Amino acid sequence: MSEAWVYMLRCRDGSLYTGWTSDLDKRMARHQAGKASRYTASRLPVELALALPMADHTAARREEARIKMLPRADKLALIAEVKSVRPLEDHPFVDLDVQERVVLAVVGP
């Protein structure tokens, strides 16, 4: 299991939220309950669009900051770019009816 994750959520209004966590399942449950972030709480439901395993918390924070600086088009391209690695079909917070394929991507060499 990864020590840290960077993730992107697709909100009800179509916006994207980027964050990091050391426990993806727990963080997703908090987002779904409206308790993880004011931003996502006002845009429920949210769907996991991307989850990137990171080596450690420092790497996760850096990648989160890098992604947050990207324009929306680049964030959508990132989601699309990593779609062939491994679908998150069994993840409890994934809705496979979304247009972009929900994926788990491995970052690294």
PDB file of N, CA and C in Angstrom:
ATOM      1  N   MET A   1       0.841  -1.177   0.000  1.00  0.00           N
ATOM      2  CA  MET A   1       0.000   0.000   0.000  1.00  0.00           C
ATOM      3  C   MET A   1       0.890   1.245   0.000  1.00  0.00           C
ATOM      4  N   SER A   2       0.461   2.241  -0.719  1.00  0.00           N
ATOM      5  CA  SER A   2       1.206   3.487  -0.807  1.00  0.00           C
ATOM      6  C   SER A   2       1.144   4.242   0.523  1.00  0.00           C
ATOM      7  N   GLU A   3       2.212   4.975   0.836  1.00  0.00           N
ATOM      8  CA  GLU A   3       2.237   5.768   2.054  1.00  0.00           C
ATOM      9  C   GLU A   3       1.390   7.031   1.926  1.00  0.00           C
ATOM     10  N   ALA A   4       1.242   7.532   0.696  1.00  0.00           N
ATOM     11  CA  ALA A   4       0.470   8.759   0.473  1.00  0.00           C
ATOM     12  C   ALA A   4      -0.132   8.728  -0.923  1.00  0.00           C
ATOM     13  N   TRP A   5      -1.184   9.489  -1.092  1.00  0.00           N
ATOM     14  CA  TRP A   5      -1.908   9.560  -2.370  1.00  0.00           C
ATOM     15  C   TRP A   5      -2.173  11.011  -2.741  1.00  0.00           C
ATOM     16  N   VAL A   6      -2.126  11.299  -4.029  1.00  0.00           N
ATOM     17  CA  VAL A   6      -2.658  12.540  -4.584  1.00  0.00           C
ATOM     18  C   VAL A   6      -3.883  12.112  -5.371  1.00  0.00           C
ATOM     19  N   TYR A   7      -4.964  12.849  -5.215  1.00  0.00           N
ATOM     20  CA  TYR A   7      -6.200  12.446  -5.880  1.00  0.00           C
ATOM     21  C   TYR A   7      -6.909  13.651  -6.482  1.00  0.00           C
ATOM     22  N   MET A   8      -7.739  13.360  -7.484  1.00  0.00           N
ATOM     23  CA  MET A   8      -8.609  14.386  -8.050  1.00  0.00           C
ATOM     24  C   MET A   8     -10.040  13.876  -7.984  1.00  0.00           C
ATOM     25  N   LEU A   9     -10.917  14.767  -7.598  1.00  0.00           N
ATOM     26  CA  LEU A   9     -12.342  14.462  -7.546  1.00  0.00           C
ATOM     27  C   LEU A   9     -13.061  15.286  -8.598  1.00  0.00           C
ATOM     28  N   ARG A  10     -14.089  14.699  -9.180  1.00  0.00           N
ATOM     29  CA  ARG A  10     -14.992  15.451 -10.052  1.00  0.00           C
ATOM     30  C   ARG A  10     -16.231  15.748  -9.214  1.00  0.00           C
ATOM     31  N   CYS A  11     -16.524  17.019  -9.055  1.00  0.00           N
ATOM     32  CA  CYS A  11     -17.660  17.454  -8.250  1.00  0.00           C
ATOM     33  C   CYS A  11     -18.939  17.491  -9.077  1.00  0.00           C
ATOM     34  N   ARG A  12     -20.068  17.575  -8.380  1.00  0.00           N
ATOM     35  CA  ARG A  12     -21.383  17.604  -9.026  1.00  0.00           C
ATOM     36  C   ARG A  12     -21.475  18.683 -10.101  1.00  0.00           C
ATOM     37  N   ASP A  13     -20.849  19.826  -9.871  1.00  0.00           N
ATOM     38  CA  ASP A  13     -20.910  20.931 -10.833  1.00  0.00           C
ATOM     39  C   ASP A  13     -19.880  20.799 -11.954  1.00  0.00           C
ATOM     40  N   GLY A  14     -19.143  19.678 -11.979  1.00  0.00           N
ATOM     41  CA  GLY A  14     -18.155  19.459 -13.034  1.00  0.00           C
ATOM     42  C   GLY A  14     -16.760  19.969 -12.696  1.00  0.00           C
ATOM     43  N   SER A  15     -16.635  20.690 -11.586  1.00  0.00           N
ATOM     44  CA  SER A  15     -15.313  21.190 -11.203  1.00  0.00           C
ATOM     45  C   SER A  15     -14.447  20.035 -10.701  1.00  0.00           C
ATOM     46  N   LEU A  16     -13.138  20.280 -10.672  1.00  0.00           N
ATOM     47  CA  LEU A  16     -12.182  19.283 -10.203  1.00  0.00           C
ATOM     48  C   LEU A  16     -11.557  19.759  -8.901  1.00  0.00           C
ATOM     49  N   TYR A  17     -11.413  18.856  -7.957  1.00  0.00           N
ATOM     50  CA  TYR A  17     -10.783  19.145  -6.669  1.00  0.00           C
ATOM     51  C   TYR A  17      -9.560  18.257  -6.549  1.00  0.00           C
ATOM     52  N   THR A  18      -8.425  18.822  -6.165  1.00  0.00           N
ATOM     53  CA  THR A  18      -7.190  18.059  -5.993  1.00  0.00           C
ATOM     54  C   THR A  18      -6.780  18.101  -4.535  1.00  0.00           C
ATOM     55  N   GLY A  19      -6.365  16.948  -4.004  1.00  0.00           N
ATOM     56  CA  GLY A  19      -5.911  16.877  -2.628  1.00  0.00           C
ATOM     57  C   GLY A  19      -4.905  15.753  -2.451  1.00  0.00           C
ATOM     58  N   TRP A  20      -4.424  15.594  -1.232  1.00  0.00           N
ATOM     59  CA  TRP A  20      -3.531  14.483  -0.918  1.00  0.00           C
ATOM     60  C   TRP A  20      -3.965  13.894   0.414  1.00  0.00           C
ATOM     61  N   THR A  21      -3.610  12.649   0.631  1.00  0.00           N
ATOM     62  CA  THR A  21      -3.972  11.958   1.861  1.00  0.00           C
ATOM     63  C   THR A  21      -3.058  10.769   2.094  1.00  0.00           C
ATOM     64  N   SER A  22      -3.019  10.302   3.317  1.00  0.00           N
ATOM     65  CA  SER A  22      -2.291   9.070   3.611  1.00  0.00           C
ATOM     66  C   SER A  22      -3.247   7.875   3.663  1.00  0.00           C
ATOM     67  N   ASP A  23      -4.561   8.128   3.661  1.00  0.00           N
ATOM     68  CA  ASP A  23      -5.559   7.058   3.691  1.00  0.00           C
ATOM     69  C   ASP A  23      -6.682   7.425   2.721  1.00  0.00           C
ATOM     70  N   LEU A  24      -6.589   6.913   1.499  1.00  0.00           N
ATOM     71  CA  LEU A  24      -7.519   7.300   0.437  1.00  0.00           C
ATOM     72  C   LEU A  24      -8.960   6.916   0.765  1.00  0.00           C
ATOM     73  N   ASP A  25      -9.186   5.718   1.266  1.00  0.00           N
ATOM     74  CA  ASP A  25     -10.560   5.299   1.572  1.00  0.00           C
ATOM     75  C   ASP A  25     -11.193   6.175   2.646  1.00  0.00           C
ATOM     76  N   LYS A  26     -10.454   6.463   3.697  1.00  0.00           N
ATOM     77  CA  LYS A  26     -10.970   7.306   4.776  1.00  0.00           C
ATOM     78  C   LYS A  26     -11.242   8.721   4.273  1.00  0.00           C
ATOM     79  N   ARG A  27     -10.329   9.257   3.472  1.00  0.00           N
ATOM     80  CA  ARG A  27     -10.510  10.611   2.940  1.00  0.00           C
ATOM     81  C   ARG A  27     -11.728  10.679   2.020  1.00  0.00           C
ATOM     82  N   MET A  28     -11.906   9.654   1.182  1.00  0.00           N
ATOM     83  CA  MET A  28     -13.070   9.634   0.288  1.00  0.00           C
ATOM     84  C   MET A  28     -14.369   9.573   1.089  1.00  0.00           C
ATOM     85  N   ALA A  29     -14.382   8.787   2.136  1.00  0.00           N
ATOM     86  CA  ALA A  29     -15.581   8.700   2.974  1.00  0.00           C
ATOM     87  C   ALA A  29     -15.891  10.061   3.596  1.00  0.00           C
ATOM     88  N   ARG A  30     -14.850  10.779   4.034  1.00  0.00           N
ATOM     89  CA  ARG A  30     -15.062  12.113   4.602  1.00  0.00           C
ATOM     90  C   ARG A  30     -15.575  13.096   3.547  1.00  0.00           C
ATOM     91  N   HIS A  31     -15.021  13.007   2.321  1.00  0.00           N
ATOM     92  CA  HIS A  31     -15.533  13.871   1.244  1.00  0.00           C
ATOM     93  C   HIS A  31     -17.005  13.559   0.986  1.00  0.00           C
ATOM     94  N   GLN A  32     -17.353  12.293   0.874  1.00  0.00           N
ATOM     95  CA  GLN A  32     -18.742  11.910   0.585  1.00  0.00           C
ATOM     96  C   GLN A  32     -19.694  12.344   1.699  1.00  0.00           C
ATOM     97  N   ALA A  33     -19.181  12.402   2.924  1.00  0.00           N
ATOM     98  CA  ALA A  33     -20.002  12.836   4.061  1.00  0.00           C
ATOM     99  C   ALA A  33     -20.047  14.354   4.198  1.00  0.00           C
ATOM    100  N   GLY A  34     -19.296  15.063   3.334  1.00  0.00           N
ATOM    101  CA  GLY A  34     -19.279  16.523   3.389  1.00  0.00           C
ATOM    102  C   GLY A  34     -18.427  17.074   4.516  1.00  0.00           C
ATOM    103  N   LYS A  35     -17.467  16.276   5.011  1.00  0.00           N
ATOM    104  CA  LYS A  35     -16.670  16.697   6.160  1.00  0.00           C
ATOM    105  C   LYS A  35     -15.188  16.907   5.851  1.00  0.00           C
ATOM    106  N   ALA A  36     -14.754  16.674   4.629  1.00  0.00           N
ATOM    107  CA  ALA A  36     -13.327  16.786   4.315  1.00  0.00           C
ATOM    108  C   ALA A  36     -12.926  18.182   3.867  1.00  0.00           C
ATOM    109  N   SER A  37     -13.834  18.883   3.213  1.00  0.00           N
ATOM    110  CA  SER A  37     -13.501  20.182   2.632  1.00  0.00           C
ATOM    111  C   SER A  37     -14.776  20.983   2.427  1.00  0.00           C
ATOM    112  N   ARG A  38     -14.709  22.265   2.713  1.00  0.00           N
ATOM    113  CA  ARG A  38     -15.878  23.125   2.452  1.00  0.00           C
ATOM    114  C   ARG A  38     -16.212  23.142   0.960  1.00  0.00           C
ATOM    115  N   TYR A  39     -15.150  23.147   0.140  1.00  0.00           N
ATOM    116  CA  TYR A  39     -15.360  23.201  -1.313  1.00  0.00           C
ATOM    117  C   TYR A  39     -16.180  22.011  -1.788  1.00  0.00           C
ATOM    118  N   THR A  40     -15.757  20.805  -1.440  1.00  0.00           N
ATOM    119  CA  THR A  40     -16.485  19.628  -1.929  1.00  0.00           C
ATOM    120  C   THR A  40     -17.818  19.436  -1.205  1.00  0.00           C
ATOM    121  N   ALA A  41     -17.910  19.879   0.040  1.00  0.00           N
ATOM    122  CA  ALA A  41     -19.164  19.737   0.787  1.00  0.00           C
ATOM    123  C   ALA A  41     -20.310  20.455   0.093  1.00  0.00           C
ATOM    124  N   SER A  42     -20.001  21.556  -0.571  1.00  0.00           N
ATOM    125  CA  SER A  42     -21.047  22.311  -1.266  1.00  0.00           C
ATOM    126  C   SER A  42     -21.266  21.829  -2.701  1.00  0.00           C
ATOM    127  N   ARG A  43     -20.551  20.775  -3.100  1.00  0.00           N
ATOM    128  CA  ARG A  43     -20.639  20.269  -4.480  1.00  0.00           C
ATOM    129  C   ARG A  43     -20.830  18.756  -4.520  1.00  0.00           C
ATOM    130  N   LEU A  44     -21.512  18.211  -3.521  1.00  0.00           N
ATOM    131  CA  LEU A  44     -21.747  16.774  -3.465  1.00  0.00           C
ATOM    132  C   LEU A  44     -22.810  16.360  -4.470  1.00  0.00           C
ATOM    133  N   PRO A  45     -22.754  15.147  -4.982  1.00  0.00           N
ATOM    134  CA  PRO A  45     -21.743  14.134  -4.691  1.00  0.00           C
ATOM    135  C   PRO A  45     -20.462  14.381  -5.491  1.00  0.00           C
ATOM    136  N   VAL A  46     -19.383  13.763  -5.023  1.00  0.00           N
ATOM    137  CA  VAL A  46     -18.111  13.827  -5.727  1.00  0.00           C
ATOM    138  C   VAL A  46     -17.727  12.424  -6.177  1.00  0.00           C
ATOM    139  N   GLU A  47     -16.945  12.351  -7.259  1.00  0.00           N
ATOM    140  CA  GLU A  47     -16.483  11.072  -7.793  1.00  0.00           C
ATOM    141  C   GLU A  47     -14.964  11.096  -7.874  1.00  0.00           C
ATOM    142  N   LEU A  48     -14.345   9.990  -7.526  1.00  0.00           N
ATOM    143  CA  LEU A  48     -12.905   9.870  -7.653  1.00  0.00           C
ATOM    144  C   LEU A  48     -12.552   9.799  -9.132  1.00  0.00           C
ATOM    145  N   ALA A  49     -11.763  10.752  -9.613  1.00  0.00           N
ATOM    146  CA  ALA A  49     -11.367  10.785 -11.017  1.00  0.00           C
ATOM    147  C   ALA A  49      -9.956  10.257 -11.218  1.00  0.00           C
ATOM    148  N   LEU A  50      -9.101  10.397 -10.202  1.00  0.00           N
ATOM    149  CA  LEU A  50      -7.708  10.000 -10.338  1.00  0.00           C
ATOM    150  C   LEU A  50      -7.111   9.778  -8.958  1.00  0.00           C
ATOM    151  N   ALA A  51      -6.323   8.723  -8.811  1.00  0.00           N
ATOM    152  CA  ALA A  51      -5.600   8.466  -7.568  1.00  0.00           C
ATOM    153  C   ALA A  51      -4.174   8.073  -7.928  1.00  0.00           C
ATOM    154  N   LEU A  52      -3.224   8.845  -7.448  1.00  0.00           N
ATOM    155  CA  LEU A  52      -1.820   8.610  -7.757  1.00  0.00           C
ATOM    156  C   LEU A  52      -1.078   8.216  -6.487  1.00  0.00           C
ATOM    157  N   PRO A  53      -0.542   7.001  -6.405  1.00  0.00           N
ATOM    158  CA  PRO A  53       0.240   6.633  -5.222  1.00  0.00           C
ATOM    159  C   PRO A  53       1.563   7.373  -5.205  1.00  0.00           C
ATOM    160  N   MET A  54       1.964   7.821  -4.040  1.00  0.00           N
ATOM    161  CA  MET A  54       3.205   8.575  -3.870  1.00  0.00           C
ATOM    162  C   MET A  54       4.096   7.862  -2.869  1.00  0.00           C
ATOM    163  N   ALA A  55       5.390   8.092  -2.981  1.00  0.00           N
ATOM    164  CA  ALA A  55       6.360   7.437  -2.104  1.00  0.00           C
ATOM    165  C   ALA A  55       6.228   7.886  -0.655  1.00  0.00           C
ATOM    166  N   ASP A  56       5.916   9.172  -0.455  1.00  0.00           N
ATOM    167  CA  ASP A  56       5.812   9.697   0.904  1.00  0.00           C
ATOM    168  C   ASP A  56       4.981  10.975   0.900  1.00  0.00           C
ATOM    169  N   HIS A  57       4.770  11.524   2.095  1.00  0.00           N
ATOM    170  CA  HIS A  57       3.928  12.722   2.230  1.00  0.00           C
ATOM    171  C   HIS A  57       4.524  13.926   1.515  1.00  0.00           C
ATOM    172  N   THR A  58       5.830  14.060   1.546  1.00  0.00           N
ATOM    173  CA  THR A  58       6.479  15.191   0.883  1.00  0.00           C
ATOM    174  C   THR A  58       6.239  15.142  -0.622  1.00  0.00           C
ATOM    175  N   ALA A  59       6.406  13.970  -1.206  1.00  0.00           N
ATOM    176  CA  ALA A  59       6.156  13.810  -2.648  1.00  0.00           C
ATOM    177  C   ALA A  59       4.698  14.096  -2.974  1.00  0.00           C
ATOM    178  N   ALA A  60       3.802  13.664  -2.108  1.00  0.00           N
ATOM    179  CA  ALA A  60       2.369  13.893  -2.336  1.00  0.00           C
ATOM    180  C   ALA A  60       2.044  15.381  -2.308  1.00  0.00           C
ATOM    181  N   ARG A  61       2.593  16.094  -1.343  1.00  0.00           N
ATOM    182  CA  ARG A  61       2.326  17.534  -1.255  1.00  0.00           C
ATOM    183  C   ARG A  61       2.882  18.287  -2.458  1.00  0.00           C
ATOM    184  N   ARG A  62       4.057  17.878  -2.904  1.00  0.00           N
ATOM    185  CA  ARG A  62       4.636  18.523  -4.092  1.00  0.00           C
ATOM    186  C   ARG A  62       3.798  18.258  -5.339  1.00  0.00           C
ATOM    187  N   GLU A  63       3.369  17.009  -5.510  1.00  0.00           N
ATOM    188  CA  GLU A  63       2.562  16.677  -6.690  1.00  0.00           C
ATOM    189  C   GLU A  63       1.199  17.363  -6.625  1.00  0.00           C
ATOM    190  N   GLU A  64       0.606  17.434  -5.451  1.00  0.00           N
ATOM    191  CA  GLU A  64      -0.663  18.152  -5.289  1.00  0.00           C
ATOM    192  C   GLU A  64      -0.493  19.613  -5.706  1.00  0.00           C
ATOM    193  N   ALA A  65       0.562  20.258  -5.240  1.00  0.00           N
ATOM    194  CA  ALA A  65       0.807  21.662  -5.581  1.00  0.00           C
ATOM    195  C   ALA A  65       1.022  21.832  -7.077  1.00  0.00           C
ATOM    196  N   ARG A  66       1.758  20.900  -7.693  1.00  0.00           N
ATOM    197  CA  ARG A  66       2.003  20.972  -9.135  1.00  0.00           C
ATOM    198  C   ARG A  66       0.692  20.850  -9.912  1.00  0.00           C
ATOM    199  N   ILE A  67      -0.136  19.886  -9.536  1.00  0.00           N
ATOM    200  CA  ILE A  67      -1.410  19.677 -10.233  1.00  0.00           C
ATOM    201  C   ILE A  67      -2.332  20.876 -10.039  1.00  0.00           C
ATOM    202  N   LYS A  68      -2.383  21.427  -8.845  1.00  0.00           N
ATOM    203  CA  LYS A  68      -3.258  22.566  -8.585  1.00  0.00           C
ATOM    204  C   LYS A  68      -2.904  23.779  -9.438  1.00  0.00           C
ATOM    205  N   MET A  69      -1.659  23.879  -9.852  1.00  0.00           N
ATOM    206  CA  MET A  69      -1.235  25.009 -10.688  1.00  0.00           C
ATOM    207  C   MET A  69      -1.597  24.811 -12.163  1.00  0.00           C
ATOM    208  N   LEU A  70      -1.965  23.592 -12.547  1.00  0.00           N
ATOM    209  CA  LEU A  70      -2.293  23.317 -13.945  1.00  0.00           C
ATOM    210  C   LEU A  70      -3.628  23.928 -14.334  1.00  0.00           C
ATOM    211  N   PRO A  71      -3.760  24.359 -15.584  1.00  0.00           N
ATOM    212  CA  PRO A  71      -5.085  24.762 -16.063  1.00  0.00           C
ATOM    213  C   PRO A  71      -6.007  23.541 -16.140  1.00  0.00           C
ATOM    214  N   ARG A  72      -7.296  23.778 -16.127  1.00  0.00           N
ATOM    215  CA  ARG A  72      -8.279  22.688 -16.154  1.00  0.00           C
ATOM    216  C   ARG A  72      -8.027  21.720 -17.295  1.00  0.00           C
ATOM    217  N   ALA A  73      -7.739  22.228 -18.488  1.00  0.00           N
ATOM    218  CA  ALA A  73      -7.506  21.360 -19.655  1.00  0.00           C
ATOM    219  C   ALA A  73      -6.351  20.398 -19.403  1.00  0.00           C
ATOM    220  N   ASP A  74      -5.318  20.866 -18.739  1.00  0.00           N
ATOM    221  CA  ASP A  74      -4.176  20.000 -18.433  1.00  0.00           C
ATOM    222  C   ASP A  74      -4.532  18.963 -17.372  1.00  0.00           C
ATOM    223  N   LYS A  75      -5.385  19.336 -16.420  1.00  0.00           N
ATOM    224  CA  LYS A  75      -5.837  18.361 -15.421  1.00  0.00           C
ATOM    225  C   LYS A  75      -6.649  17.252 -16.092  1.00  0.00           C
ATOM    226  N   LEU A  76      -7.534  17.633 -17.004  1.00  0.00           N
ATOM    227  CA  LEU A  76      -8.315  16.631 -17.731  1.00  0.00           C
ATOM    228  C   LEU A  76      -7.409  15.752 -18.591  1.00  0.00           C
ATOM    229  N   ALA A  77      -6.374  16.358 -19.191  1.00  0.00           N
ATOM    230  CA  ALA A  77      -5.416  15.592 -19.990  1.00  0.00           C
ATOM    231  C   ALA A  77      -4.653  14.605 -19.106  1.00  0.00           C
ATOM    232  N   LEU A  78      -4.309  14.996 -17.886  1.00  0.00           N
ATOM    233  CA  LEU A  78      -3.627  14.106 -16.963  1.00  0.00           C
ATOM    234  C   LEU A  78      -4.502  12.903 -16.636  1.00  0.00           C
ATOM    235  N   ILE A  79      -5.768  13.146 -16.382  1.00  0.00           N
ATOM    236  CA  ILE A  79      -6.704  12.049 -16.110  1.00  0.00           C
ATOM    237  C   ILE A  79      -6.753  11.102 -17.305  1.00  0.00           C
ATOM    238  N   ALA A  80      -6.877  11.661 -18.500  1.00  0.00           N
ATOM    239  CA  ALA A  80      -6.958  10.850 -19.713  1.00  0.00           C
ATOM    240  C   ALA A  80      -5.644  10.121 -20.006  1.00  0.00           C
ATOM    241  N   GLU A  81      -4.524  10.764 -19.716  1.00  0.00           N
ATOM    242  CA  GLU A  81      -3.204  10.216 -20.035  1.00  0.00           C
ATOM    243  C   GLU A  81      -2.898   8.928 -19.284  1.00  0.00           C
ATOM    244  N   VAL A  82      -3.381   8.814 -18.075  1.00  0.00           N
ATOM    245  CA  VAL A  82      -3.039   7.654 -17.255  1.00  0.00           C
ATOM    246  C   VAL A  82      -4.143   6.594 -17.213  1.00  0.00           C
ATOM    247  N   LYS A  83      -5.090   6.684 -18.099  1.00  0.00           N
ATOM    248  CA  LYS A  83      -6.264   5.815 -18.023  1.00  0.00           C
ATOM    249  C   LYS A  83      -6.017   4.333 -18.273  1.00  0.00           C
ATOM    250  N   SER A  84      -4.899   3.960 -18.838  1.00  0.00           N
ATOM    251  CA  SER A  84      -4.692   2.555 -19.169  1.00  0.00           C
ATOM    252  C   SER A  84      -3.966   1.753 -18.088  1.00  0.00           C
ATOM    253  N   VAL A  85      -3.603   2.387 -16.975  1.00  0.00           N
ATOM    254  CA  VAL A  85      -2.808   1.674 -15.973  1.00  0.00           C
ATOM    255  C   VAL A  85      -3.634   0.636 -15.220  1.00  0.00           C
ATOM    256  N   ARG A  86      -4.668   1.061 -14.514  1.00  0.00           N
ATOM    257  CA  ARG A  86      -5.515   0.119 -13.779  1.00  0.00           C
ATOM    258  C   ARG A  86      -6.818   0.797 -13.380  1.00  0.00           C
ATOM    259  N   PRO A  87      -7.938   0.340 -13.929  1.00  0.00           N
ATOM    260  CA  PRO A  87      -9.225   0.921 -13.532  1.00  0.00           C
ATOM    261  C   PRO A  87      -9.512   0.669 -12.055  1.00  0.00           C
ATOM    262  N   LEU A  88     -10.205   1.618 -11.444  1.00  0.00           N
ATOM    263  CA  LEU A  88     -10.601   1.478 -10.041  1.00  0.00           C
ATOM    264  C   LEU A  88     -12.020   0.926  -9.952  1.00  0.00           C
ATOM    265  N   GLU A  89     -12.326  -0.074 -10.736  1.00  0.00           N
ATOM    266  CA  GLU A  89     -13.698  -0.579 -10.830  1.00  0.00           C
ATOM    267  C   GLU A  89     -14.257  -1.068  -9.504  1.00  0.00           C
ATOM    268  N   ASP A  90     -13.402  -1.551  -8.626  1.00  0.00           N
ATOM    269  CA  ASP A  90     -13.887  -2.102  -7.365  1.00  0.00           C
ATOM    270  C   ASP A  90     -13.883  -1.093  -6.229  1.00  0.00           C
ATOM    271  N   HIS A  91     -13.442   0.137  -6.511  1.00  0.00           N
ATOM    272  CA  HIS A  91     -13.407   1.140  -5.447  1.00  0.00           C
ATOM    273  C   HIS A  91     -14.828   1.584  -5.129  1.00  0.00           C
ATOM    274  N   PRO A  92     -15.196   1.673  -3.847  1.00  0.00           N
ATOM    275  CA  PRO A  92     -16.579   1.978  -3.484  1.00  0.00           C
ATOM    276  C   PRO A  92     -17.053   3.380  -3.858  1.00  0.00           C
ATOM    277  N   PHE A  93     -16.136   4.288  -4.202  1.00  0.00           N
ATOM    278  CA  PHE A  93     -16.540   5.654  -4.503  1.00  0.00           C
ATOM    279  C   PHE A  93     -16.474   5.973  -5.988  1.00  0.00           C
ATOM    280  N   VAL A  94     -16.386   4.958  -6.819  1.00  0.00           N
ATOM    281  CA  VAL A  94     -16.232   5.168  -8.253  1.00  0.00           C
ATOM    282  C   VAL A  94     -17.557   4.929  -8.956  1.00  0.00           C
ATOM    283  N   ASP A  95     -17.933   5.866  -9.804  1.00  0.00           N
ATOM    284  CA  ASP A  95     -19.097   5.725 -10.659  1.00  0.00           C
ATOM    285  C   ASP A  95     -18.580   5.555 -12.077  1.00  0.00           C
ATOM    286  N   LEU A  96     -18.689   4.344 -12.640  1.00  0.00           N
ATOM    287  CA  LEU A  96     -18.111   4.082 -13.947  1.00  0.00           C
ATOM    288  C   LEU A  96     -18.934   4.647 -15.090  1.00  0.00           C
ATOM    289  N   ASP A  97     -20.023   5.357 -14.781  1.00  0.00           N
ATOM    290  CA  ASP A  97     -20.801   5.989 -15.827  1.00  0.00           C
ATOM    291  C   ASP A  97     -20.250   7.351 -16.224  1.00  0.00           C
ATOM    292  N   VAL A  98     -19.196   7.816 -15.561  1.00  0.00           N
ATOM    293  CA  VAL A  98     -18.610   9.100 -15.922  1.00  0.00           C
ATOM    294  C   VAL A  98     -17.945   8.982 -17.280  1.00  0.00           C
ATOM    295  N   GLN A  99     -17.827  10.102 -17.990  1.00  0.00           N
ATOM    296  CA  GLN A  99     -17.304  10.062 -19.350  1.00  0.00           C
ATOM    297  C   GLN A  99     -15.827   9.709 -19.394  1.00  0.00           C
ATOM    298  N   GLU A 100     -14.984  10.339 -18.581  1.00  0.00           N
ATOM    299  CA  GLU A 100     -13.585   9.947 -18.547  1.00  0.00           C
ATOM    300  C   GLU A 100     -13.464   8.688 -17.708  1.00  0.00           C
ATOM    301  N   ARG A 101     -12.579   7.787 -18.105  1.00  0.00           N
ATOM    302  CA  ARG A 101     -12.393   6.548 -17.358  1.00  0.00           C
ATOM    303  C   ARG A 101     -11.657   6.845 -16.050  1.00  0.00           C
ATOM    304  N   VAL A 102     -12.145   6.303 -14.968  1.00  0.00           N
ATOM    305  CA  VAL A 102     -11.551   6.487 -13.658  1.00  0.00           C
ATOM    306  C   VAL A 102     -10.394   5.485 -13.533  1.00  0.00           C
ATOM    307  N   VAL A 103      -9.240   5.970 -13.109  1.00  0.00           N
ATOM    308  CA  VAL A 103      -8.063   5.109 -13.121  1.00  0.00           C
ATOM    309  C   VAL A 103      -7.200   5.275 -11.886  1.00  0.00           C
ATOM    310  N   LEU A 104      -6.367   4.290 -11.674  1.00  0.00           N
ATOM    311  CA  LEU A 104      -5.291   4.378 -10.715  1.00  0.00           C
ATOM    312  C   LEU A 104      -4.018   4.471 -11.519  1.00  0.00           C
ATOM    313  N   ALA A 105      -3.194   5.441 -11.241  1.00  0.00           N
ATOM    314  CA  ALA A 105      -1.971   5.622 -12.005  1.00  0.00           C
ATOM    315  C   ALA A 105      -0.771   5.487 -11.099  1.00  0.00           C
ATOM    316  N   VAL A 106       0.263   4.877 -11.603  1.00  0.00           N
ATOM    317  CA  VAL A 106       1.503   4.742 -10.857  1.00  0.00           C
ATOM    318  C   VAL A 106       2.456   5.815 -11.365  1.00  0.00           C
ATOM    319  N   VAL A 107       2.976   6.627 -10.452  1.00  0.00           N
ATOM    320  CA  VAL A 107       3.899   7.693 -10.811  1.00  0.00           C
ATOM    321  C   VAL A 107       5.305   7.219 -10.519  1.00  0.00           C
ATOM    322  N   GLY A 108       6.187   7.417 -11.442  1.00  0.00           N
ATOM    323  CA  GLY A 108       7.584   7.052 -11.245  1.00  0.00           C
ATOM    324  C   GLY A 108       8.204   6.563 -12.533  1.00  0.00           C
ATOM    325  N   PRO A 109       9.476   6.164 -12.463  1.00  0.00           N
ATOM    326  CA  PRO A 109      10.186   5.719 -13.666  1.00  0.00           C
ATOM    327  C   PRO A 109       9.662   4.415 -14.208  1.00  0.00           C
TER     328      PRO A 109
END
